[in-house]
Amino acid sequence: MDVDARFLQSLKALFLKPGSLTNAYLKGERVRYLSPIRLYLFPSVLFFLILSLRALWPEIHDSAVMQQWRESGDFGRSIESVVDSLSLASSDSSSQVPTLDQGQTLTLTASGSEMDISASDFWSSFQDNFAKIMFFLLPVAALLLKLLYIRRKRVYLEHLVFSLHVHAFIFSLLVLTALFDSPILVYAILILSLVYLFMALREVYAQTIAKTLTKLFLLLLSYGLVLGLGFLVTMITTAVFMVIGQGT
């Protein structure tokens, strides 16, 4: 079976039958589906890529070239016009080369000195770093599941497969939030994700509704704390490395 067919089969099972893809994979039915790691990487990379492009869009939209293009309607002549204006400015000793607006700046304090960095640069670096942190948080989520279901005698790898599949589903929905600015969409995805996680837990771990709800609450609480800590650490490390980079 080719990759496209397996991809479609995997998405169908992932979206329409919560937990069934994990059960199928653990039962050895792996030829028909993509591996959990590949299924996770596709929507997660797409999500962070869209966020990065959105962060760059204001600078592109407000650049001198784009302003000239909107006024003249000729992209080639717009580039020539901006290049000519920069050349004239640089050749005139009494004039200064115009600088493009880089958006808001963030002021960071380190060792008693202040440094200004572009907000767009900071958030771009933060998103790249947080994408990496999220990948390393997957084993943590699996460990939390292992602790919550310690009496089920399941090996750690089974929990990791479940974690990858659930994260793949959630990131697939988050792609929509990256494409469309809608608070209603965010709330709808949040509710859908909670319902999906509950149904997936019930399907894979086969416990009663009451026990599953209890495990769901404990999982959300513990993983929420881990996720918040990861978010904070990513912000701090991003700021530190950007300050170090400017200082060198």
Protein backbone atom coordinates (compact mmCIF):
# COMPACT_ATOMS: atom_id res chain seq x y z
CA MET A 1 0.00 0.00 0.00
CA ASP A 2 1.49 3.37 -1.01
CA VAL A 3 2.07 6.32 1.33
CA ASP A 4 -0.95 8.33 0.10
CA ALA A 5 -3.34 5.46 0.74
CA ARG A 6 -1.89 4.83 4.19
CA PHE A 7 -2.08 8.53 4.97
CA LEU A 8 -5.77 8.68 4.06
CA GLN A 9 -6.51 5.48 5.96
CA SER A 10 -4.72 6.88 9.00
CA LEU A 11 -6.60 10.19 8.89
CA LYS A 12 -9.92 8.39 8.50
CA ALA A 13 -9.31 6.21 11.54
CA LEU A 14 -7.81 9.09 13.52
CA PHE A 15 -10.72 11.49 12.99
CA LEU A 16 -13.75 9.22 12.77
CA LYS A 17 -12.98 6.61 15.44
CA PRO A 18 -11.08 8.06 18.44
CA GLY A 19 -8.65 5.51 19.84
CA SER A 20 -9.23 2.93 17.09
CA LEU A 21 -6.00 3.81 15.29
CA THR A 22 -4.01 3.24 18.49
CA ASN A 23 -5.72 -0.11 19.08
CA ALA A 24 -5.11 -1.20 15.48
CA TYR A 25 -1.45 -0.23 15.67
CA LEU A 26 -0.92 -2.04 18.98
CA LYS A 27 -2.59 -5.17 17.57
CA GLY A 28 0.01 -5.26 14.81
CA GLU A 29 -2.14 -3.82 12.00
CA ARG A 30 0.61 -1.43 10.91
CA VAL A 31 0.90 -1.97 7.17
CA ARG A 32 -2.32 -0.04 6.44
CA TYR A 33 -1.36 3.04 8.47
CA LEU A 34 1.41 5.61 8.78
CA SER A 35 3.70 5.28 11.77
CA PRO A 36 2.57 7.37 14.77
CA ILE A 37 5.61 9.64 14.59
CA ARG A 38 5.07 10.47 10.91
CA LEU A 39 1.39 11.07 11.51
CA TYR A 40 2.26 13.49 14.32
CA LEU A 41 4.97 15.37 12.42
CA PHE A 42 2.81 16.32 9.44
CA PRO A 43 0.16 18.48 11.23
CA SER A 44 2.56 19.79 13.88
CA VAL A 45 5.13 21.01 11.36
CA LEU A 46 2.34 22.48 9.22
CA PHE A 47 0.88 24.31 12.24
CA PHE A 48 4.15 25.96 13.28
CA LEU A 49 5.01 26.74 9.64
CA ILE A 50 1.74 28.63 9.19
CA LEU A 51 2.36 30.54 12.42
CA SER A 52 5.82 31.55 11.19
CA LEU A 53 4.43 32.75 7.86
CA ARG A 54 1.72 34.74 9.65
CA ALA A 55 4.37 36.41 11.81
CA LEU A 56 6.26 37.48 8.68
CA TRP A 57 3.18 38.69 6.80
CA PRO A 58 2.87 42.16 8.45
CA GLU A 59 6.47 43.01 7.51
CA ILE A 60 5.94 41.79 3.95
CA HIS A 61 2.58 43.55 3.64
CA ASP A 62 3.92 46.89 4.94
CA SER A 63 7.24 46.80 3.09
CA ALA A 64 8.15 49.53 0.63
CA VAL A 65 7.94 47.14 -2.32
CA MET A 66 4.41 46.03 -1.43
CA GLN A 67 3.30 49.65 -0.92
CA GLN A 68 4.66 50.61 -4.33
CA TRP A 69 3.02 47.54 -5.88
CA ARG A 70 -0.38 48.44 -4.43
CA GLU A 71 -0.05 51.96 -5.82
CA SER A 72 1.32 51.13 -9.28
CA GLY A 73 0.01 47.63 -9.89
CA ASP A 74 3.36 46.64 -11.46
CA PHE A 75 5.52 44.46 -9.23
CA GLY A 76 8.66 44.74 -11.39
CA ARG A 77 8.52 48.53 -11.52
CA SER A 78 7.84 48.61 -7.77
CA ILE A 79 11.11 46.80 -7.07
CA GLU A 80 12.99 49.12 -9.44
CA SER A 81 11.46 52.18 -7.79
CA VAL A 82 12.45 51.09 -4.28
CA VAL A 83 15.98 50.15 -5.41
CA ASP A 84 16.36 53.52 -7.16
CA SER A 85 15.19 55.43 -4.09
CA LEU A 86 17.63 53.55 -1.86
CA SER A 87 20.47 54.18 -4.33
CA LEU A 88 19.74 57.92 -4.49
CA ALA A 89 19.55 58.11 -0.72
CA SER A 90 22.88 56.33 -0.27
CA SER A 91 24.61 58.54 -2.87
CA ASP A 92 23.38 61.74 -1.24
CA SER A 93 25.61 62.46 1.75
CA SER A 94 23.06 64.88 3.19
CA SER A 95 20.29 62.27 3.22
CA GLN A 96 19.78 59.14 5.23
CA VAL A 97 18.75 55.77 3.91
CA PRO A 98 15.14 55.16 4.90
CA THR A 99 14.58 52.23 7.21
CA LEU A 100 11.62 49.91 7.01
CA ASP A 101 9.34 49.59 9.97
CA GLN A 102 10.18 46.31 11.70
CA GLY A 103 7.20 46.44 14.01
CA GLN A 104 7.25 46.53 17.78
CA THR A 105 10.41 45.91 19.76
CA LEU A 106 10.93 44.11 23.04
CA THR A 107 13.34 45.46 25.63
CA LEU A 108 15.32 42.80 27.48
CA THR A 109 17.54 43.51 30.47
CA ALA A 110 20.66 41.46 31.05
CA SER A 111 23.57 42.21 33.40
CA GLY A 112 22.26 45.72 34.00
CA SER A 113 22.12 46.61 30.30
CA GLU A 114 19.05 46.86 28.07
CA MET A 115 18.74 45.45 24.56
CA ASP A 116 15.95 45.97 22.06
CA ILE A 117 14.97 43.10 19.81
CA SER A 118 12.28 42.82 17.16
CA ALA A 119 9.06 41.33 18.50
CA SER A 120 8.55 39.42 15.26
CA ASP A 121 12.07 37.95 15.51
CA PHE A 122 11.43 36.94 19.11
CA TRP A 123 8.11 35.22 18.38
CA SER A 124 9.54 33.52 15.31
CA SER A 125 12.39 32.07 17.37
CA PHE A 126 9.98 31.20 20.18
CA GLN A 127 7.72 29.24 17.82
CA ASP A 128 10.67 27.29 16.45
CA ASN A 129 11.88 26.47 19.95
CA PHE A 130 8.42 25.61 21.26
CA ALA A 131 7.87 23.19 18.36
CA LYS A 132 10.99 21.34 19.53
CA ILE A 133 9.86 21.45 23.16
CA MET A 134 6.48 19.99 22.17
CA PHE A 135 8.22 17.04 20.54
CA PHE A 136 10.08 16.32 23.79
CA LEU A 137 6.88 16.70 25.82
CA LEU A 138 5.30 13.75 24.01
CA PRO A 139 7.24 11.20 26.11
CA VAL A 140 6.22 13.18 29.21
CA ALA A 141 2.55 12.84 28.27
CA ALA A 142 3.10 9.11 27.77
CA LEU A 143 4.74 8.90 31.21
CA LEU A 144 1.74 10.61 32.80
CA LEU A 145 -0.54 8.06 31.11
CA LYS A 146 1.68 5.27 32.38
CA LEU A 147 1.28 6.57 35.94
CA LEU A 148 -2.47 7.10 35.62
CA TYR A 149 -3.00 3.60 34.21
CA ILE A 150 -0.28 1.85 36.16
CA ARG A 151 -2.63 -0.99 37.12
CA ARG A 152 -3.43 -1.75 33.50
CA LYS A 153 0.01 -3.38 33.07
CA ARG A 154 0.62 -1.68 29.72
CA VAL A 155 4.15 -1.05 28.50
CA TYR A 156 5.37 2.51 28.09
CA LEU A 157 5.46 2.28 24.28
CA GLU A 158 1.69 1.76 24.14
CA HIS A 159 1.10 5.01 26.00
CA LEU A 160 3.56 6.77 23.69
CA VAL A 161 1.65 5.60 20.61
CA PHE A 162 -1.59 6.88 22.15
CA SER A 163 0.08 10.22 22.97
CA LEU A 164 1.33 10.62 19.39
CA HIS A 165 -2.09 9.90 17.91
CA VAL A 166 -3.92 12.31 20.21
CA HIS A 167 -1.40 15.08 19.58
CA ALA A 168 -1.67 14.45 15.83
CA PHE A 169 -5.43 14.96 16.04
CA ILE A 170 -5.14 18.13 18.14
CA PHE A 171 -2.49 19.68 15.90
CA SER A 172 -4.64 18.90 12.87
CA LEU A 173 -7.37 21.03 14.43
CA LEU A 174 -4.91 23.73 15.51
CA VAL A 175 -3.98 24.22 11.85
CA LEU A 176 -7.45 25.74 11.44
CA THR A 177 -6.81 28.23 14.26
CA ALA A 178 -3.56 29.25 12.55
CA LEU A 179 -5.42 29.87 9.30
CA PHE A 180 -8.51 31.62 10.69
CA ASP A 181 -8.75 34.20 13.49
CA SER A 182 -11.96 33.16 15.20
CA PRO A 183 -12.53 32.92 18.98
CA ILE A 184 -15.57 30.73 18.31
CA LEU A 185 -13.37 28.32 16.34
CA VAL A 186 -10.87 28.16 19.21
CA TYR A 187 -13.59 27.31 21.75
CA ALA A 188 -15.12 24.75 19.39
CA ILE A 189 -11.75 23.05 18.90
CA LEU A 190 -11.12 23.06 22.66
CA ILE A 191 -14.45 21.34 23.34
CA LEU A 192 -13.97 18.91 20.46
CA SER A 193 -10.48 18.02 21.69
CA LEU A 194 -11.77 17.28 25.20
CA VAL A 195 -14.57 15.08 23.84
CA TYR A 196 -12.13 13.33 21.51
CA LEU A 197 -9.64 12.66 24.31
CA PHE A 198 -12.37 11.23 26.54
CA MET A 199 -13.61 8.92 23.77
CA ALA A 200 -10.05 7.84 22.91
CA LEU A 201 -9.26 7.04 26.54
CA ARG A 202 -12.44 4.99 26.80
CA GLU A 203 -11.64 3.10 23.59
CA VAL A 204 -8.01 2.31 24.36
CA TYR A 205 -8.06 1.78 28.13
CA ALA A 206 -11.59 0.36 28.40
CA GLN A 207 -12.59 1.78 31.77
CA THR A 208 -15.92 3.04 33.09
CA ILE A 209 -17.17 6.54 32.34
CA ALA A 210 -16.54 7.68 35.92
CA LYS A 211 -12.97 6.34 35.97
CA THR A 212 -12.24 7.78 32.53
CA LEU A 213 -13.53 11.21 33.54
CA THR A 214 -11.35 11.11 36.65
CA LYS A 215 -8.28 10.10 34.64
CA LEU A 216 -9.08 12.78 32.05
CA PHE A 217 -9.20 15.48 34.73
CA LEU A 218 -5.92 14.33 36.30
CA LEU A 219 -4.25 14.10 32.89
CA LEU A 220 -5.36 17.60 31.90
CA LEU A 221 -4.22 19.02 35.23
CA SER A 222 -0.79 17.38 35.23
CA TYR A 223 -0.08 17.87 31.53
CA GLY A 224 -1.34 21.46 31.72
CA LEU A 225 1.28 22.18 34.39
CA VAL A 226 4.00 20.54 32.30
CA LEU A 227 2.89 22.45 29.21
CA GLY A 228 2.85 25.75 31.10
CA LEU A 229 6.35 25.07 32.45
CA GLY A 230 7.55 24.23 28.95
CA PHE A 231 6.04 27.46 27.63
CA LEU A 232 7.78 29.51 30.34
CA VAL A 233 11.14 27.79 29.87
CA THR A 234 10.92 28.30 26.11
CA MET A 235 10.26 32.03 26.51
CA ILE A 236 13.19 32.45 28.91
CA THR A 237 15.66 30.43 26.84
CA THR A 238 14.59 32.18 23.64
CA ALA A 239 15.15 35.59 25.22
CA VAL A 240 18.51 34.53 26.72
CA PHE A 241 19.88 33.18 23.44
CA MET A 242 18.70 36.24 21.52
CA VAL A 243 20.46 38.52 24.03
CA ILE A 244 23.61 36.40 23.79
CA GLY A 245 23.38 36.53 20.00
CA GLN A 246 23.13 40.34 20.00
CA GLY A 247 25.96 40.64 22.46
CA THR A 248 28.42 38.67 20.32
